[in-house]
């Protein structure tokens, strides 16, 4: 019983030794590694994310600028029609939907997603 009391009270009277601060991790700081890899991440992002998007936008601009009367087009909504007129200053296009009734619909130029090749063209539209 005396031994149990001594083991119980011994930690109460013990003095704490000063603790040394932990040693820094070997290999330097992580911030230097981030600065080292940052240019690679930027190049990767530009090459795989921004550049393909810029190319797609350039192809769309060329497609919209090459639209002419009687071209067959596909709209965002899935409508296939023939071009009646194009107003590039207003970015508007008028499409002939039905030849028998003369039905025409006005769209914003960005609503055109695809221009179908003409009957005489054998080239691919890509």
C-alpha atoms as a PDB file:
ATOM      1  CA  UNK A   1       0.000   0.000   0.000  1.00  0.00           C
ATOM      2  CA  UNK A   2       2.829   2.344   0.767  1.00  0.00           C
ATOM      3  CA  UNK A   3       4.290   1.610  -2.629  1.00  0.00           C
ATOM      4  CA  UNK A   4       1.007   2.593  -4.307  1.00  0.00           C
ATOM      5  CA  UNK A   5       0.998   5.932  -2.484  1.00  0.00           C
ATOM      6  CA  UNK A   6       4.580   6.660  -3.497  1.00  0.00           C
ATOM      7  CA  UNK A   7       3.889   5.909  -7.177  1.00  0.00           C
ATOM      8  CA  UNK A   8       0.779   8.100  -7.016  1.00  0.00           C
ATOM      9  CA  UNK A   9       2.466  11.142  -5.458  1.00  0.00           C
ATOM     10  CA  UNK A  10       5.839  10.934  -7.251  1.00  0.00           C
ATOM     11  CA  UNK A  11       4.689  12.678 -10.440  1.00  0.00           C
ATOM     12  CA  UNK A  12       3.271  15.523  -8.360  1.00  0.00           C
ATOM     13  CA  UNK A  13       6.665  16.395  -6.872  1.00  0.00           C
ATOM     14  CA  UNK A  14       8.761  15.783  -9.978  1.00  0.00           C
ATOM     15  CA  UNK A  15      10.178  18.811 -11.734  1.00  0.00           C
ATOM     16  CA  UNK A  16       9.639  19.139 -15.447  1.00  0.00           C
ATOM     17  CA  UNK A  17      12.794  19.292 -17.483  1.00  0.00           C
ATOM     18  CA  UNK A  18      12.895  22.083 -20.117  1.00  0.00           C
ATOM     19  CA  UNK A  19      11.835  20.806 -23.504  1.00  0.00           C
ATOM     20  CA  UNK A  20      14.024  21.681 -26.488  1.00  0.00           C
ATOM     21  CA  UNK A  21      12.205  23.105 -29.525  1.00  0.00           C
ATOM     22  CA  UNK A  22      11.693  20.596 -32.334  1.00  0.00           C
ATOM     23  CA  UNK A  23      14.301  20.519 -35.067  1.00  0.00           C
ATOM     24  CA  UNK A  24      13.216  21.913 -38.464  1.00  0.00           C
ATOM     25  CA  UNK A  25      12.447  19.282 -41.098  1.00  0.00           C
ATOM     26  CA  UNK A  26      15.344  18.465 -43.397  1.00  0.00           C
ATOM     27  CA  UNK A  27      15.221  19.639 -47.017  1.00  0.00           C
ATOM     28  CA  UNK A  28      14.222  23.269 -46.562  1.00  0.00           C
ATOM     29  CA  UNK A  29      10.805  24.833 -46.681  1.00  0.00           C
ATOM     30  CA  UNK A  30       7.845  23.768 -48.820  1.00  0.00           C
ATOM     31  CA  UNK A  31       7.416  27.308 -50.156  1.00  0.00           C
ATOM     32  CA  UNK A  32      10.600  26.986 -52.214  1.00  0.00           C
ATOM     33  CA  UNK A  33       9.230  23.858 -53.864  1.00  0.00           C
ATOM     34  CA  UNK A  34       5.972  25.656 -54.677  1.00  0.00           C
ATOM     35  CA  UNK A  35       7.902  28.505 -56.301  1.00  0.00           C
ATOM     36  CA  UNK A  36       9.950  25.972 -58.246  1.00  0.00           C
ATOM     37  CA  UNK A  37       6.897  24.144 -59.668  1.00  0.00           C
ATOM     38  CA  UNK A  38       4.659  27.205 -60.186  1.00  0.00           C
ATOM     39  CA  UNK A  39       5.890  27.952 -63.743  1.00  0.00           C
ATOM     40  CA  UNK A  40       5.263  24.325 -64.727  1.00  0.00           C
ATOM     41  CA  UNK A  41       1.693  24.524 -63.428  1.00  0.00           C
ATOM     42  CA  UNK A  42       1.095  27.758 -65.331  1.00  0.00           C
ATOM     43  CA  UNK A  43       2.445  26.273 -68.583  1.00  0.00           C
ATOM     44  CA  UNK A  44       0.385  23.114 -68.072  1.00  0.00           C
ATOM     45  CA  UNK A  45      -2.785  25.160 -67.459  1.00  0.00           C
ATOM     46  CA  UNK A  46      -2.228  27.330 -70.536  1.00  0.00           C
ATOM     47  CA  UNK A  47      -1.317  24.417 -72.815  1.00  0.00           C
ATOM     48  CA  UNK A  48      -4.147  22.094 -71.811  1.00  0.00           C
ATOM     49  CA  UNK A  49      -6.941  24.498 -70.802  1.00  0.00           C
ATOM     50  CA  UNK A  50      -6.659  27.957 -72.346  1.00  0.00           C
ATOM     51  CA  UNK A  51      -5.095  27.226 -75.730  1.00  0.00           C
ATOM     52  CA  UNK A  52      -7.727  24.684 -76.902  1.00  0.00           C
ATOM     53  CA  UNK A  53     -10.482  27.081 -75.857  1.00  0.00           C
ATOM     54  CA  UNK A  54      -8.857  29.909 -77.830  1.00  0.00           C
ATOM     55  CA  UNK A  55      -8.588  27.693 -80.905  1.00  0.00           C
ATOM     56  CA  UNK A  56     -12.255  26.699 -80.640  1.00  0.00           C
ATOM     57  CA  UNK A  57     -13.309  30.352 -80.382  1.00  0.00           C
ATOM     58  CA  UNK A  58     -11.188  31.229 -83.428  1.00  0.00           C
ATOM     59  CA  UNK A  59     -12.815  28.431 -85.470  1.00  0.00           C
ATOM     60  CA  UNK A  60     -16.278  29.677 -84.465  1.00  0.00           C
ATOM     61  CA  UNK A  61     -15.416  33.260 -85.455  1.00  0.00           C
ATOM     62  CA  UNK A  62     -14.175  32.081 -88.859  1.00  0.00           C
ATOM     63  CA  UNK A  63     -17.336  30.002 -89.327  1.00  0.00           C
ATOM     64  CA  UNK A  64     -19.603  32.950 -88.434  1.00  0.00           C
ATOM     65  CA  UNK A  65     -17.686  35.320 -90.736  1.00  0.00           C
ATOM     66  CA  UNK A  66     -17.930  32.893 -93.664  1.00  0.00           C
ATOM     67  CA  UNK A  67     -21.737  32.534 -93.524  1.00  0.00           C
ATOM     68  CA  UNK A  68     -23.464  33.335 -96.789  1.00  0.00           C
ATOM     69  CA  UNK A  69     -26.980  33.257 -98.164  1.00  0.00           C
ATOM     70  CA  UNK A  70     -28.446  29.753 -98.722  1.00  0.00           C
ATOM     71  CA  UNK A  71     -25.930  28.030 -96.396  1.00  0.00           C
ATOM     72  CA  UNK A  72     -27.519  25.249 -94.352  1.00  0.00           C
ATOM     73  CA  UNK A  73     -26.864  25.656 -90.633  1.00  0.00           C
ATOM     74  CA  UNK A  74     -27.658  24.022 -87.301  1.00  0.00           C
ATOM     75  CA  UNK A  75     -28.665  26.202 -84.347  1.00  0.00           C
ATOM     76  CA  UNK A  76     -28.055  25.631 -80.652  1.00  0.00           C
ATOM     77  CA  UNK A  77     -31.676  24.564 -80.280  1.00  0.00           C
ATOM     78  CA  UNK A  78     -31.313  21.872 -82.941  1.00  0.00           C
ATOM     79  CA  UNK A  79     -33.080  23.691 -85.776  1.00  0.00           C
ATOM     80  CA  UNK A  80     -31.744  23.056 -89.278  1.00  0.00           C
ATOM     81  CA  UNK A  81     -32.423  25.923 -91.652  1.00  0.00           C
ATOM     82  CA  UNK A  82     -31.064  27.903 -94.583  1.00  0.00           C
ATOM     83  CA  UNK A  83     -29.490  31.335 -94.213  1.00  0.00           C
ATOM     84  CA  UNK A  84     -31.619  34.136 -95.645  1.00  0.00           C
ATOM     85  CA  UNK A  85     -29.434  37.093 -94.604  1.00  0.00           C
ATOM     86  CA  UNK A  86     -26.563  37.954 -92.274  1.00  0.00           C
ATOM     87  CA  UNK A  87     -26.045  41.291 -90.510  1.00  0.00           C
ATOM     88  CA  UNK A  88     -22.528  41.200 -89.084  1.00  0.00           C
ATOM     89  CA  UNK A  89     -22.709  44.688 -87.540  1.00  0.00           C
ATOM     90  CA  UNK A  90     -25.663  43.653 -85.362  1.00  0.00           C
ATOM     91  CA  UNK A  91     -24.466  40.019 -85.029  1.00  0.00           C
ATOM     92  CA  UNK A  92     -27.831  38.817 -86.316  1.00  0.00           C
ATOM     93  CA  UNK A  93     -28.782  36.166 -88.807  1.00  0.00           C
ATOM     94  CA  UNK A  94     -32.155  35.524 -90.449  1.00  0.00           C
ATOM     95  CA  UNK A  95     -32.927  31.878 -91.215  1.00  0.00           C
ATOM     96  CA  UNK A  96     -35.514  30.463 -93.653  1.00  0.00           C
ATOM     97  CA  UNK A  97     -37.297  27.693 -91.812  1.00  0.00           C
ATOM     98  CA  UNK A  98     -40.066  26.845 -94.261  1.00  0.00           C
ATOM     99  CA  UNK A  99     -39.921  27.649 -97.977  1.00  0.00           C
ATOM    100  CA  UNK A 100     -43.609  27.001 -98.655  1.00  0.00           C
ATOM    101  CA  UNK A 101     -44.822  29.589 -96.096  1.00  0.00           C
ATOM    102  CA  UNK A 102     -41.749  31.815 -96.239  1.00  0.00           C
ATOM    103  CA  UNK A 103     -41.216  31.497 -92.480  1.00  0.00           C
ATOM    104  CA  UNK A 104     -38.111  33.342 -91.308  1.00  0.00           C
ATOM    105  CA  UNK A 105     -36.629  33.567 -87.816  1.00  0.00           C
ATOM    106  CA  UNK A 106     -34.018  36.022 -86.545  1.00  0.00           C
ATOM    107  CA  UNK A 107     -31.195  34.684 -84.323  1.00  0.00           C
ATOM    108  CA  UNK A 108     -28.075  36.008 -82.704  1.00  0.00           C
ATOM    109  CA  UNK A 109     -25.035  34.912 -84.689  1.00  0.00           C
ATOM    110  CA  UNK A 110     -23.670  32.909 -81.751  1.00  0.00           C
ATOM    111  CA  UNK A 111     -26.719  30.598 -81.952  1.00  0.00           C
ATOM    112  CA  UNK A 112     -25.200  28.934 -85.038  1.00  0.00           C
ATOM    113  CA  UNK A 113     -23.165  25.895 -84.057  1.00  0.00           C
ATOM    114  CA  UNK A 114     -22.567  24.106 -87.373  1.00  0.00           C
ATOM    115  CA  UNK A 115     -22.484  25.042 -91.039  1.00  0.00           C
ATOM    116  CA  UNK A 116     -23.223  22.042 -93.233  1.00  0.00           C
ATOM    117  CA  UNK A 117     -21.097  21.658 -96.351  1.00  0.00           C
ATOM    118  CA  UNK A 118     -22.761  22.554 -99.620  1.00  0.00           C
ATOM    119  CA  UNK A 119     -23.768  19.778-102.001  1.00  0.00           C
ATOM    120  CA  UNK A 120     -20.805  20.448-104.306  1.00  0.00           C
ATOM    121  CA  UNK A 121     -18.250  20.549-101.485  1.00  0.00           C
ATOM    122  CA  UNK A 122     -16.486  17.316-100.704  1.00  0.00           C
ATOM    123  CA  UNK A 123     -14.349  18.810 -97.890  1.00  0.00           C
ATOM    124  CA  UNK A 124     -14.862  18.014 -94.234  1.00  0.00           C
ATOM    125  CA  UNK A 125     -16.288  20.898 -92.142  1.00  0.00           C
ATOM    126  CA  UNK A 126     -13.707  20.401 -89.353  1.00  0.00           C
END
